Amino acid sequence: MGNCSWLLACSDSSTSETQPPDLKLTFISPCTEKHIKKYTPQGVRLVTETPVIYHKYIRPYMIQQRNRLTWVFNIIEGRSEQDSVLYREHGEEGFLVTPDLNWDGKTMFSLHLLGLVERRDIWSVRDLRKQHVLWLKHMRDKFLDAAVKLYPDIERDQLKLYMHYQPTYYHFHVHIVHVRLEQGMTQATGKALGLEHIISQLETMVGDDQAGMADVSLTYTVGEASELWTEIFLPLKQGKGVVV
């Protein structure tokens, strides 16, 4: 999704045309400062986001970032990039499915889709509560049904669903991938949270229907160039004030 494309290339120009490519070039336009920070080689830190840190610092940060979601809403509302929408359903449980930018659209063992929900009140896993368990189960089934309908050679038990925390953008979306997809950084511990695990955690969580993921600590990785590190977690580590 977004104005992004990629090409395969060879680092040695003297090789023959039959030489397998050893480089992947990604083109993003327009390229924002956030894109540059995300793709710049950088150190990585492991941080723990407590409920207090979430409510005091991260939630206000999310609110600021929500101003940058016009492109997402344009896709959901059918105003842009409709050629990339593979499947769509409208209604209370409306959603759409698009290919992830890193999938070539052909190799089934590396299948990687994104499922975006139409509702706008859930920004990330932090907004999920016990009251959402039934909805999450419905959406899980809808995503799986859509994927196997699009690609009949794949069966439901060959797919896994997960979310990122922190996500790249704060509108709830689920990654739908083949179980054989190489587990790189996108599926690494400290980045990916399995949908089944989240459902189980909510089902067994103590409290009423309002209890949820905002009440637990989450540990994840952040890049040293990211705003989450430079503006929040680094100042907290140094005992300095945080201004969001």
Protein backbone atom coordinates (compact mmCIF):
# COMPACT_ATOMS: atom_id res chain seq x y z
CA MET A 1 0.00 0.00 0.00
CA GLY A 2 1.13 3.52 -0.67
CA ASN A 3 3.26 4.70 -3.57
CA CYS A 4 5.94 2.07 -3.28
CA SER A 5 7.54 -0.36 -5.72
CA TRP A 6 10.57 -2.60 -5.74
CA LEU A 7 12.99 -4.20 -8.19
CA LEU A 8 15.53 -7.00 -8.04
CA ALA A 9 19.06 -6.27 -9.21
CA CYS A 10 22.62 -7.57 -9.27
CA SER A 11 25.40 -5.77 -7.43
CA ASP A 12 28.01 -6.87 -10.00
CA SER A 13 27.33 -5.28 -13.42
CA SER A 14 29.79 -7.66 -15.09
CA THR A 15 27.69 -10.75 -14.37
CA SER A 16 25.64 -12.47 -17.05
CA GLU A 17 21.94 -11.97 -17.56
CA THR A 18 21.29 -15.38 -16.00
CA GLN A 19 22.97 -14.41 -12.71
CA PRO A 20 20.38 -14.49 -9.87
CA PRO A 21 19.75 -11.05 -8.34
CA ASP A 22 21.33 -10.33 -4.96
CA LEU A 23 19.81 -6.91 -4.29
CA LYS A 24 16.30 -5.69 -3.67
CA LEU A 25 15.67 -2.00 -4.42
CA THR A 26 12.63 -0.33 -2.87
CA PHE A 27 11.27 2.94 -4.28
CA ILE A 28 8.98 5.07 -2.10
CA SER A 29 7.36 8.25 -3.33
CA PRO A 30 6.72 10.62 -1.74
CA CYS A 31 9.41 9.76 0.78
CA THR A 32 8.86 11.36 4.19
CA GLU A 33 11.27 11.89 7.06
CA LYS A 34 9.59 8.96 8.82
CA HIS A 35 10.38 6.68 5.87
CA ILE A 36 14.02 7.77 5.92
CA LYS A 37 14.32 7.07 9.65
CA LYS A 38 12.63 3.68 9.27
CA TYR A 39 14.93 2.42 6.50
CA THR A 40 18.21 4.01 7.67
CA PRO A 41 20.64 1.45 9.18
CA GLN A 42 20.48 1.99 12.92
CA GLY A 43 20.84 0.38 16.31
CA VAL A 44 17.86 -1.31 17.91
CA ARG A 45 16.71 -1.09 21.52
CA LEU A 46 14.39 -3.29 23.57
CA VAL A 47 11.89 -1.27 25.58
CA THR A 48 9.03 -2.07 27.93
CA GLU A 49 5.91 0.02 27.61
CA THR A 50 4.00 -0.12 30.88
CA PRO A 51 0.33 0.93 31.12
CA VAL A 52 1.52 4.17 32.73
CA ILE A 53 3.96 4.93 29.89
CA TYR A 54 1.27 4.07 27.37
CA HIS A 55 -1.37 6.37 28.79
CA LYS A 56 1.00 9.21 29.68
CA TYR A 57 3.26 9.31 26.61
CA ILE A 58 2.45 6.80 23.88
CA ARG A 59 -1.26 7.52 23.54
CA PRO A 60 -0.66 11.27 23.04
CA TYR A 61 2.01 10.37 20.47
CA MET A 62 -0.50 8.16 18.66
CA ILE A 63 -3.02 11.00 18.60
CA GLN A 64 -0.45 13.20 16.85
CA GLN A 65 0.30 10.48 14.28
CA ARG A 66 -3.37 9.96 13.49
CA ASN A 67 -3.30 13.26 11.60
CA ARG A 68 -1.22 11.50 8.94
CA LEU A 69 -3.75 8.81 7.99
CA THR A 70 -5.57 10.52 5.12
CA TRP A 71 -3.97 8.10 2.65
CA VAL A 72 -5.33 5.10 4.62
CA PHE A 73 -8.84 6.54 4.79
CA ASN A 74 -8.73 7.33 1.06
CA ILE A 75 -8.07 3.65 0.34
CA ILE A 76 -10.78 2.45 2.71
CA GLU A 77 -13.32 4.91 1.27
CA GLY A 78 -12.46 3.95 -2.32
CA ARG A 79 -10.87 7.23 -3.39
CA SER A 80 -7.38 5.99 -4.18
CA GLU A 81 -5.25 2.89 -4.89
CA GLN A 82 -8.27 0.71 -5.65
CA ASP A 83 -6.23 -1.28 -8.15
CA SER A 84 -4.35 -2.78 -5.18
CA VAL A 85 -7.49 -3.88 -3.32
CA LEU A 86 -7.88 -7.64 -3.78
CA TYR A 87 -11.02 -8.16 -1.70
CA ARG A 88 -13.52 -5.97 0.13
CA GLU A 89 -16.59 -6.28 2.33
CA HIS A 90 -18.61 -3.36 3.69
CA GLY A 91 -20.68 -3.12 6.86
CA GLU A 92 -20.18 -3.26 10.61
CA GLU A 93 -17.42 -5.83 10.10
CA GLY A 94 -16.19 -4.26 6.87
CA PHE A 95 -12.62 -4.78 5.76
CA LEU A 96 -10.39 -4.94 2.71
CA VAL A 97 -7.39 -7.03 1.74
CA THR A 98 -4.34 -5.75 -0.14
CA PRO A 99 -0.96 -7.31 -0.94
CA ASP A 100 1.92 -6.29 1.30
CA LEU A 101 4.54 -4.22 -0.47
CA ASN A 102 7.17 -6.90 0.13
CA TRP A 103 5.28 -9.70 -1.64
CA ASP A 104 5.88 -10.34 -5.33
CA GLY A 105 2.23 -11.30 -5.84
CA LYS A 106 3.14 -14.71 -7.26
CA THR A 107 5.16 -16.89 -4.88
CA MET A 108 2.63 -18.59 -2.61
CA PHE A 109 5.20 -19.69 0.00
CA SER A 110 5.98 -16.02 0.62
CA LEU A 111 2.38 -14.79 0.47
CA HIS A 112 1.93 -11.65 2.58
CA LEU A 113 -1.38 -9.78 2.67
CA LEU A 114 -2.74 -6.95 4.79
CA GLY A 115 -6.26 -6.88 6.18
CA LEU A 116 -7.52 -3.36 7.01
CA VAL A 117 -10.72 -2.94 8.99
CA GLU A 118 -13.17 -0.16 8.11
CA ARG A 119 -13.92 0.83 11.72
CA ARG A 120 -11.77 3.67 13.02
CA ASP A 121 -12.07 3.34 16.79
CA ILE A 122 -9.34 0.68 17.04
CA TRP A 123 -5.89 2.08 16.32
CA SER A 124 -3.64 -0.73 17.57
CA VAL A 125 -3.64 -3.79 19.83
CA ARG A 126 -3.73 -1.37 22.76
CA ASP A 127 -7.38 -0.57 21.95
CA LEU A 128 -8.47 -4.21 22.09
CA ARG A 129 -10.63 -5.16 25.08
CA LYS A 130 -12.45 -8.24 26.29
CA GLN A 131 -15.58 -6.87 24.62
CA HIS A 132 -13.82 -7.20 21.24
CA VAL A 133 -13.14 -10.96 21.45
CA LEU A 134 -16.18 -11.97 19.41
CA TRP A 135 -15.41 -9.29 16.80
CA LEU A 136 -11.79 -10.43 16.57
CA LYS A 137 -12.88 -14.03 16.00
CA HIS A 138 -15.26 -12.92 13.27
CA MET A 139 -12.53 -10.86 11.61
CA ARG A 140 -10.05 -13.74 11.87
CA ASP A 141 -12.48 -15.99 10.01
CA LYS A 142 -13.25 -13.30 7.43
CA PHE A 143 -9.55 -12.68 6.71
CA LEU A 144 -8.87 -16.41 6.33
CA ASP A 145 -11.94 -16.94 4.14
CA ALA A 146 -10.92 -14.04 1.90
CA ALA A 147 -7.33 -15.32 1.55
CA VAL A 148 -8.31 -18.86 0.56
CA LYS A 149 -10.95 -17.50 -1.81
CA LEU A 150 -8.31 -15.35 -3.50
CA TYR A 151 -5.73 -18.16 -3.59
CA PRO A 152 -7.49 -21.56 -3.75
CA ASP A 153 -4.18 -23.48 -3.65
CA ILE A 154 -3.70 -22.33 -0.04
CA GLU A 155 -5.64 -23.82 2.89
CA ARG A 156 -6.63 -22.04 6.10
CA ASP A 157 -4.11 -23.94 8.23
CA GLN A 158 -1.30 -22.71 5.98
CA LEU A 159 -1.88 -19.12 7.07
CA LYS A 160 -1.04 -17.20 10.21
CA LEU A 161 -2.28 -13.81 11.35
CA TYR A 162 -0.45 -11.25 13.42
CA MET A 163 -0.27 -7.55 14.23
CA HIS A 164 2.72 -5.30 14.79
CA TYR A 165 3.34 -3.31 17.92
CA GLN A 166 4.41 -0.70 17.40
CA PRO A 167 2.66 -0.61 13.99
CA THR A 168 3.85 1.53 11.09
CA TYR A 169 0.57 3.46 11.17
CA TYR A 170 -2.19 3.72 13.76
CA HIS A 171 -5.18 2.17 12.03
CA PHE A 172 -5.88 -1.43 12.98
CA HIS A 173 -4.63 -3.89 10.39
CA VAL A 174 -3.67 -7.55 10.40
CA HIS A 175 -0.84 -9.29 8.53
CA ILE A 176 -1.90 -12.48 6.74
CA VAL A 177 1.10 -14.61 5.77
CA HIS A 178 1.96 -18.11 4.60
CA VAL A 179 3.33 -20.25 7.42
CA ARG A 180 6.47 -20.87 5.36
CA LEU A 181 7.26 -17.20 4.91
CA GLU A 182 10.78 -16.59 6.20
CA GLN A 183 10.59 -15.12 9.68
CA GLY A 184 12.57 -11.92 9.29
CA MET A 185 12.23 -8.76 11.34
CA THR A 186 8.56 -8.36 10.41
CA GLN A 187 7.67 -11.53 12.35
CA ALA A 188 10.34 -11.28 15.05
CA THR A 189 9.75 -11.40 18.79
CA GLY A 190 9.47 -7.80 19.93
CA LYS A 191 7.59 -6.83 16.78
CA ALA A 192 4.81 -9.29 15.93
CA LEU A 193 1.89 -10.34 18.16
CA GLY A 194 -0.10 -13.36 17.02
CA LEU A 195 -3.82 -12.75 16.67
CA GLU A 196 -4.69 -16.08 18.31
CA HIS A 197 -2.45 -15.20 21.25
CA ILE A 198 -4.14 -11.82 21.69
CA ILE A 199 -7.60 -13.41 21.56
CA SER A 200 -6.58 -15.98 24.19
CA GLN A 201 -5.03 -13.30 26.40
CA LEU A 202 -8.19 -11.22 26.29
CA GLU A 203 -10.42 -14.24 26.99
CA THR A 204 -8.45 -15.18 30.12
CA MET A 205 -7.86 -11.62 31.34
CA VAL A 206 -9.27 -10.72 34.76
CA GLY A 207 -11.87 -7.95 34.78
CA ASP A 208 -15.03 -6.85 33.03
CA ASP A 209 -15.55 -6.23 29.32
CA GLN A 210 -13.58 -2.96 29.53
CA ALA A 211 -10.38 -4.71 30.61
CA GLY A 212 -7.92 -5.01 27.78
CA MET A 213 -4.49 -4.65 26.26
CA ALA A 214 -4.12 -1.08 27.53
CA ASP A 215 -3.76 -2.61 31.00
CA VAL A 216 -0.70 -4.78 30.34
CA SER A 217 3.00 -4.11 29.77
CA LEU A 218 4.31 -4.73 26.25
CA THR A 219 7.98 -5.25 25.43
CA TYR A 220 9.14 -4.54 21.89
CA THR A 221 12.04 -3.21 19.81
CA VAL A 222 12.49 0.32 18.48
CA GLY A 223 15.10 1.79 16.17
CA GLU A 224 17.43 4.39 17.64
CA ALA A 225 16.41 6.84 14.90
CA SER A 226 12.69 6.47 15.63
CA GLU A 227 10.73 9.16 17.43
CA LEU A 228 9.57 6.61 19.97
CA TRP A 229 13.20 6.20 21.06
CA THR A 230 14.51 9.75 20.71
CA GLU A 231 11.42 11.52 22.06
CA ILE A 232 10.11 9.09 24.67
CA PHE A 233 12.17 6.09 25.75
CA LEU A 234 15.64 7.67 25.62
CA PRO A 235 14.60 10.66 27.79
CA LEU A 236 12.88 8.24 30.20
CA LYS A 237 16.09 6.17 30.38
CA GLN A 238 18.11 9.29 31.06
CA GLY A 239 15.68 10.50 33.71
CA LYS A 240 14.73 13.55 31.67
CA GLY A 241 11.33 15.03 31.03
CA VAL A 242 9.29 13.81 28.07
CA VAL A 243 7.44 16.31 25.95
CA VAL A 244 4.94 14.83 23.47
